[in-house]
């Protein structure tokens, strides 16, 4: 077996094992009664404000699918696209990108007559919009105000600044490609996407950045302003990277560990963990609690033509039976 290829295949598993080990160690060191007490002491107005911020962030993320819609021009309305994306995002957050993101999109969009190839384009541009925005936000915060990570295994400020400069260059490169390239598609490995124009690429960057900024604002609000907004923002962008490296649905445990580590020193550990758990409830669990009945209603309505099955889907089914 080729050693470099074996290392490439095993590297994600090694990273996952290390991070999950750190999660387990930290979980044993947490004073859980203190965490419960800190959760109870969170003011209701503070929680309510984070609910509103989470709703705004969810609405912005759901609009990412409109980028793919603009480039593929499917015969589906903007509001229906946004509604499907809002449901999908809740599942994506809690179940992961493959099941919650792509799987749910295929399930819901194909009900409205979209072919799987178009759904894949919409999903691809949603992911691209999210990470282009992340590159701008993460690049700026890591370059200008890198978080002080107290853990011995964590990278230092200079490494974080270098990483920030690198992701900023990626964001600039994407904008440059969309502005000057004559190719109509973007290709990465076996994946091909319709290329956005310069204005749409700027819109992607702005929408993606706003989503990340809103999430950081919600966390900072739950921390009750302690530690500074830049600290909360740095914690959020670093936790996103950890979630990609460690394929745990919803980044359960991983997100909490990275955020608490990133804000250690600014806020007591039990209070930081209480804020992060409240963040998960507001940004992950509450949207899922709303998306589940909405998805169930769509499935229920789709079983009976009298309860809203899309006419185009029925016509396509008829044609398939005719030529089968």
Protein backbone atom coordinates (compact mmCIF):
# COMPACT_ATOMS: atom_id res chain seq x y z
CA UNK A 1 0.00 0.00 0.00
CA UNK A 2 1.26 3.48 -0.87
CA UNK A 3 2.18 5.19 2.43
CA UNK A 4 1.15 8.78 1.48
CA UNK A 5 -2.26 7.63 0.25
CA UNK A 6 -2.74 5.53 3.38
CA UNK A 7 -1.90 8.55 5.52
CA UNK A 8 -4.37 10.71 3.60
CA UNK A 9 -7.13 8.17 4.15
CA UNK A 10 -6.36 7.71 7.84
CA UNK A 11 -5.72 11.39 8.69
CA UNK A 12 -9.42 12.34 9.15
CA UNK A 13 -9.93 9.37 11.47
CA UNK A 14 -6.83 10.28 13.50
CA UNK A 15 -7.99 13.89 13.82
CA UNK A 16 -11.46 12.71 14.83
CA UNK A 17 -10.00 10.37 17.46
CA UNK A 18 -7.83 13.14 18.95
CA UNK A 19 -10.66 15.68 19.07
CA UNK A 20 -13.18 13.22 20.49
CA UNK A 21 -10.61 12.22 23.11
CA UNK A 22 -10.24 15.87 24.09
CA UNK A 23 -14.02 16.17 24.26
CA UNK A 24 -14.20 13.19 26.63
CA UNK A 25 -11.42 14.58 28.84
CA UNK A 26 -13.06 17.99 29.09
CA UNK A 27 -16.48 16.49 29.79
CA UNK A 28 -15.06 14.66 32.81
CA UNK A 29 -13.56 17.88 34.16
CA UNK A 30 -16.75 19.92 33.91
CA UNK A 31 -18.64 20.80 37.08
CA UNK A 32 -22.09 19.97 35.72
CA UNK A 33 -24.07 21.26 38.73
CA UNK A 34 -22.43 24.66 38.21
CA UNK A 35 -23.32 24.52 34.51
CA UNK A 36 -26.97 23.80 35.34
CA UNK A 37 -26.96 26.70 37.79
CA UNK A 38 -25.49 29.05 35.17
CA UNK A 39 -28.15 27.95 32.67
CA UNK A 40 -30.92 28.74 35.14
CA UNK A 41 -29.42 32.18 35.75
CA UNK A 42 -29.48 33.21 32.09
CA UNK A 43 -31.97 36.11 31.85
CA UNK A 44 -35.07 35.40 29.79
CA UNK A 45 -34.67 38.63 27.76
CA UNK A 46 -31.17 37.48 26.81
CA UNK A 47 -32.48 34.11 25.65
CA UNK A 48 -35.35 35.79 23.82
CA UNK A 49 -32.96 38.09 21.95
CA UNK A 50 -30.87 35.11 20.87
CA UNK A 51 -34.02 33.40 19.60
CA UNK A 52 -34.70 36.44 17.40
CA UNK A 53 -31.09 36.52 16.19
CA UNK A 54 -31.23 32.78 15.47
CA UNK A 55 -34.42 33.29 13.44
CA UNK A 56 -32.68 35.99 11.41
CA UNK A 57 -29.61 33.80 10.85
CA UNK A 58 -31.82 30.88 9.80
CA UNK A 59 -33.70 33.11 7.36
CA UNK A 60 -30.45 34.35 5.83
CA UNK A 61 -29.06 30.83 5.44
CA UNK A 62 -32.28 29.62 3.83
CA UNK A 63 -31.83 32.37 1.24
CA UNK A 64 -28.56 30.72 0.10
CA UNK A 65 -30.61 28.32 -2.03
CA UNK A 66 -31.85 31.32 -4.00
CA UNK A 67 -28.33 31.68 -5.43
CA UNK A 68 -28.56 28.22 -6.95
CA UNK A 69 -32.08 28.98 -8.11
CA UNK A 70 -30.88 32.14 -9.87
CA UNK A 71 -28.19 30.20 -11.75
CA UNK A 72 -30.22 27.10 -12.65
CA UNK A 73 -33.57 28.86 -13.20
CA UNK A 74 -35.81 25.96 -12.12
CA UNK A 75 -39.57 26.33 -12.35
CA UNK A 76 -40.11 26.80 -8.65
CA UNK A 77 -41.01 30.02 -6.86
CA UNK A 78 -38.66 32.00 -4.66
CA UNK A 79 -40.76 31.61 -1.52
CA UNK A 80 -41.16 27.88 -2.03
CA UNK A 81 -37.41 27.58 -2.53
CA UNK A 82 -36.79 29.55 0.65
CA UNK A 83 -39.32 27.48 2.61
CA UNK A 84 -37.77 24.19 1.52
CA UNK A 85 -34.30 25.51 2.37
CA UNK A 86 -35.46 26.60 5.84
CA UNK A 87 -36.65 23.07 6.58
CA UNK A 88 -33.53 21.51 5.10
CA UNK A 89 -31.18 23.74 7.11
CA UNK A 90 -32.67 22.59 10.41
CA UNK A 91 -32.07 18.95 9.46
CA UNK A 92 -28.63 19.80 8.09
CA UNK A 93 -27.55 21.36 11.39
CA UNK A 94 -28.61 18.36 13.45
CA UNK A 95 -28.09 15.37 11.13
CA UNK A 96 -25.16 16.47 8.99
CA UNK A 97 -24.74 17.61 5.39
CA UNK A 98 -25.20 14.26 3.64
CA UNK A 99 -28.49 13.23 5.26
CA UNK A 100 -29.87 16.55 6.43
CA UNK A 101 -28.53 18.69 3.60
CA UNK A 102 -28.41 16.80 0.31
CA UNK A 103 -30.81 13.99 1.22
CA UNK A 104 -33.57 16.28 2.44
CA UNK A 105 -33.13 18.61 -0.53
CA UNK A 106 -33.50 15.73 -2.95
CA UNK A 107 -36.59 14.54 -1.11
CA UNK A 108 -38.33 17.92 -1.07
CA UNK A 109 -37.21 19.54 -4.31
CA UNK A 110 -37.92 16.49 -6.45
CA UNK A 111 -41.48 16.58 -5.14
CA UNK A 112 -41.81 19.86 -7.03
CA UNK A 113 -40.45 18.49 -10.28
CA UNK A 114 -36.77 19.43 -10.00
CA UNK A 115 -34.33 16.88 -11.43
CA UNK A 116 -31.58 15.62 -9.09
CA UNK A 117 -28.89 17.42 -11.13
CA UNK A 118 -30.58 20.78 -10.50
CA UNK A 119 -30.98 19.96 -6.81
CA UNK A 120 -27.27 19.17 -6.63
CA UNK A 121 -26.48 22.56 -8.18
CA UNK A 122 -28.67 24.35 -5.64
CA UNK A 123 -27.09 22.42 -2.76
CA UNK A 124 -23.60 23.10 -4.10
CA UNK A 125 -24.15 26.84 -4.30
CA UNK A 126 -25.62 26.86 -0.80
CA UNK A 127 -22.46 25.23 0.54
CA UNK A 128 -20.28 27.57 -1.52
CA UNK A 129 -22.12 30.68 -0.29
CA UNK A 130 -21.75 29.55 3.31
CA UNK A 131 -18.01 28.92 3.07
CA UNK A 132 -17.20 31.98 0.96
CA UNK A 133 -18.81 34.05 3.72
CA UNK A 134 -16.86 32.05 6.30
CA UNK A 135 -13.59 32.79 4.47
CA UNK A 136 -14.19 36.53 4.62
CA UNK A 137 -15.24 36.55 8.27
CA UNK A 138 -12.70 34.00 9.50
CA UNK A 139 -9.91 35.60 7.51
CA UNK A 140 -10.50 39.03 8.99
CA UNK A 141 -11.00 37.92 12.60
CA UNK A 142 -8.04 35.51 12.59
CA UNK A 143 -5.78 38.07 10.94
CA UNK A 144 -6.77 41.08 13.04
CA UNK A 145 -7.93 39.59 16.35
CA UNK A 146 -6.95 35.92 16.68
CA UNK A 147 -8.43 34.25 19.77
CA UNK A 148 -6.02 33.32 22.56
CA UNK A 149 -6.25 29.54 22.83
CA UNK A 150 -4.99 28.39 26.22
CA UNK A 151 -4.87 24.66 25.41
CA UNK A 152 -1.37 23.34 24.79
CA UNK A 153 -2.44 21.54 21.60
CA UNK A 154 -3.99 24.65 20.06
CA UNK A 155 -2.25 26.81 17.42
CA UNK A 156 -0.72 30.11 18.51
CA UNK A 157 -1.58 33.65 17.37
CA UNK A 158 0.96 33.67 14.52
CA UNK A 159 -0.36 30.41 13.09
CA UNK A 160 -3.92 31.73 13.33
CA UNK A 161 -2.92 34.97 11.57
CA UNK A 162 -1.29 32.96 8.79
CA UNK A 163 -4.43 30.85 8.46
CA UNK A 164 -6.53 34.02 8.35
CA UNK A 165 -4.41 35.44 5.54
CA UNK A 166 -4.73 32.16 3.66
CA UNK A 167 -8.51 31.99 3.78
CA UNK A 168 -8.77 35.68 2.84
CA UNK A 169 -6.74 34.89 -0.27
CA UNK A 170 -9.18 32.07 -1.06
CA UNK A 171 -12.11 34.47 -0.77
CA UNK A 172 -10.37 37.01 -3.02
CA UNK A 173 -9.49 34.29 -5.52
CA UNK A 174 -13.14 33.21 -5.76
CA UNK A 175 -14.25 36.79 -6.39
CA UNK A 176 -11.53 37.22 -9.01
CA UNK A 177 -12.53 34.02 -10.83
CA UNK A 178 -16.18 35.09 -10.88
CA UNK A 179 -15.18 38.54 -12.17
CA UNK A 180 -12.69 37.74 -14.94
CA UNK A 181 -13.02 34.07 -15.89
CA UNK A 182 -14.54 33.26 -19.27
CA UNK A 183 -15.54 29.78 -18.19
CA UNK A 184 -19.20 29.35 -17.35
CA UNK A 185 -18.60 26.62 -14.78
CA UNK A 186 -16.45 25.99 -11.72
CA UNK A 187 -14.90 22.56 -11.34
CA UNK A 188 -13.39 20.87 -8.31
CA UNK A 189 -12.46 17.22 -8.68
CA UNK A 190 -15.61 15.62 -10.13
CA UNK A 191 -17.96 18.40 -9.09
CA UNK A 192 -19.10 21.09 -11.52
CA UNK A 193 -21.09 24.22 -10.63
CA UNK A 194 -22.47 27.05 -12.69
CA UNK A 195 -20.22 30.08 -12.15
CA UNK A 196 -21.74 33.12 -10.50
CA UNK A 197 -21.17 36.55 -12.01
CA UNK A 198 -19.27 39.25 -10.10
CA UNK A 199 -22.39 40.81 -8.57
CA UNK A 200 -23.85 37.47 -7.50
CA UNK A 201 -20.46 36.45 -6.06
CA UNK A 202 -20.45 39.62 -3.95
CA UNK A 203 -23.97 38.81 -2.82
CA UNK A 204 -22.82 35.31 -1.85
CA UNK A 205 -19.97 36.77 0.20
CA UNK A 206 -22.24 39.27 1.93
CA UNK A 207 -25.01 36.76 2.71
CA UNK A 208 -22.56 34.15 3.97
CA UNK A 209 -20.74 36.68 6.13
CA UNK A 210 -23.98 38.02 7.62
CA UNK A 211 -24.98 34.51 8.67
CA UNK A 212 -21.69 33.93 10.53
CA UNK A 213 -21.82 37.37 12.12
CA UNK A 214 -25.36 36.75 13.36
CA UNK A 215 -24.34 33.45 14.94
CA UNK A 216 -21.43 35.13 16.70
CA UNK A 217 -23.73 37.93 17.85
CA UNK A 218 -26.10 35.37 19.37
CA UNK A 219 -23.26 33.64 21.23
CA UNK A 220 -21.90 36.98 22.46
CA UNK A 221 -25.38 37.89 23.65
CA UNK A 222 -25.66 34.60 25.59
CA UNK A 223 -22.24 35.34 27.11
CA UNK A 224 -23.86 38.64 28.16
CA UNK A 225 -21.22 40.70 26.43
CA UNK A 226 -18.25 39.23 28.25
CA UNK A 227 -15.09 38.45 26.33
CA UNK A 228 -15.76 40.78 23.42
CA UNK A 229 -17.52 40.19 20.12
CA UNK A 230 -14.27 39.29 18.33
CA UNK A 231 -13.69 36.46 20.82
CA UNK A 232 -17.16 35.04 20.16
CA UNK A 233 -16.66 35.38 16.41
CA UNK A 234 -13.29 33.65 16.54
CA UNK A 235 -14.78 30.82 18.57
CA UNK A 236 -17.59 30.32 16.06
CA UNK A 237 -15.33 30.21 12.99
CA UNK A 238 -12.87 27.80 14.65
CA UNK A 239 -15.71 25.53 15.78
CA UNK A 240 -16.92 25.36 12.17
CA UNK A 241 -13.55 23.98 11.06
CA UNK A 242 -13.57 21.40 13.84
CA UNK A 243 -17.05 20.33 12.75
CA UNK A 244 -15.75 19.67 9.23
CA UNK A 245 -12.75 17.67 10.45
CA UNK A 246 -14.75 15.55 12.89
CA UNK A 247 -17.77 14.07 11.17
CA UNK A 248 -20.12 13.97 14.15
CA UNK A 249 -23.79 14.79 13.39
CA UNK A 250 -24.49 18.28 14.62
CA UNK A 251 -20.86 18.52 15.85
CA UNK A 252 -22.22 17.42 19.23
CA UNK A 253 -19.52 17.82 21.85
CA UNK A 254 -16.99 19.09 19.32
CA UNK A 255 -18.64 22.48 18.90
CA UNK A 256 -18.95 22.93 22.67
CA UNK A 257 -15.33 21.94 23.31
CA UNK A 258 -13.84 24.27 20.71
CA UNK A 259 -15.98 27.27 21.69
CA UNK A 260 -15.31 26.86 25.42
CA UNK A 261 -11.58 26.49 24.70
CA UNK A 262 -11.59 29.60 22.50
CA UNK A 263 -13.23 31.79 25.14
CA UNK A 264 -11.43 30.31 28.15
CA UNK A 265 -10.03 33.02 30.39
CA UNK A 266 -12.59 35.59 29.33
CA UNK A 267 -15.50 33.72 30.93
CA UNK A 268 -15.54 31.02 33.64
CA UNK A 269 -15.78 27.55 32.11
CA UNK A 270 -19.15 26.64 33.59
CA UNK A 271 -20.71 29.91 32.42
CA UNK A 272 -19.16 29.57 28.96
CA UNK A 273 -20.50 26.03 28.62
CA UNK A 274 -23.94 27.14 29.80
CA UNK A 275 -23.97 29.84 27.09
CA UNK A 276 -22.88 27.34 24.43
CA UNK A 277 -25.57 24.84 25.46
CA UNK A 278 -28.16 27.61 25.29
CA UNK A 279 -26.78 28.49 21.84
CA UNK A 280 -27.27 24.89 20.69
CA UNK A 281 -30.83 24.87 21.98
CA UNK A 282 -31.66 28.12 20.19
CA UNK A 283 -29.80 27.57 16.90
CA UNK A 284 -30.04 23.79 16.50
CA UNK A 285 -32.86 22.23 18.50
CA UNK A 286 -35.51 24.94 18.21
CA UNK A 287 -35.31 25.09 14.38
CA UNK A 288 -35.51 21.28 14.27
CA UNK A 289 -38.57 21.32 16.53
CA UNK A 290 -40.26 23.65 14.04
CA UNK A 291 -38.99 21.88 10.91
CA UNK A 292 -40.19 18.40 11.95
CA UNK A 293 -43.93 19.21 11.85
CA UNK A 294 -43.43 21.29 8.69
CA UNK A 295 -41.74 18.36 6.97
CA UNK A 296 -44.41 15.99 8.27
CA UNK A 297 -47.10 18.25 6.82
CA UNK A 298 -45.40 18.21 3.41
CA UNK A 299 -45.18 14.41 3.47
CA UNK A 300 -48.81 14.10 4.57
CA UNK A 301 -50.02 16.52 1.89
CA UNK A 302 -47.99 14.77 -0.79
CA UNK A 303 -49.74 11.45 -0.29
CA UNK A 304 -53.14 12.76 -1.39
CA UNK A 305 -53.57 14.70 -4.64
CA UNK A 306 -56.42 16.62 -3.06
CA UNK A 307 -54.08 17.94 -0.37
CA UNK A 308 -51.61 19.82 -2.50
CA UNK A 309 -49.52 17.38 -4.53
CA UNK A 310 -47.70 19.39 -7.17
CA UNK A 311 -49.34 19.12 -10.58
CA UNK A 312 -46.02 18.97 -12.41
CA UNK A 313 -44.93 15.96 -10.36
CA UNK A 314 -48.16 14.14 -11.20
CA UNK A 315 -47.73 14.90 -14.90
CA UNK A 316 -44.17 13.59 -14.85
CA UNK A 317 -45.28 10.41 -13.08
CA UNK A 318 -47.94 9.89 -15.76
CA UNK A 319 -45.37 10.30 -18.55
CA UNK A 320 -42.99 7.86 -16.91
CA UNK A 321 -45.73 5.24 -16.64
CA UNK A 322 -46.74 5.83 -20.26
CA UNK A 323 -43.25 5.19 -21.62
CA UNK A 324 -42.30 2.48 -19.14
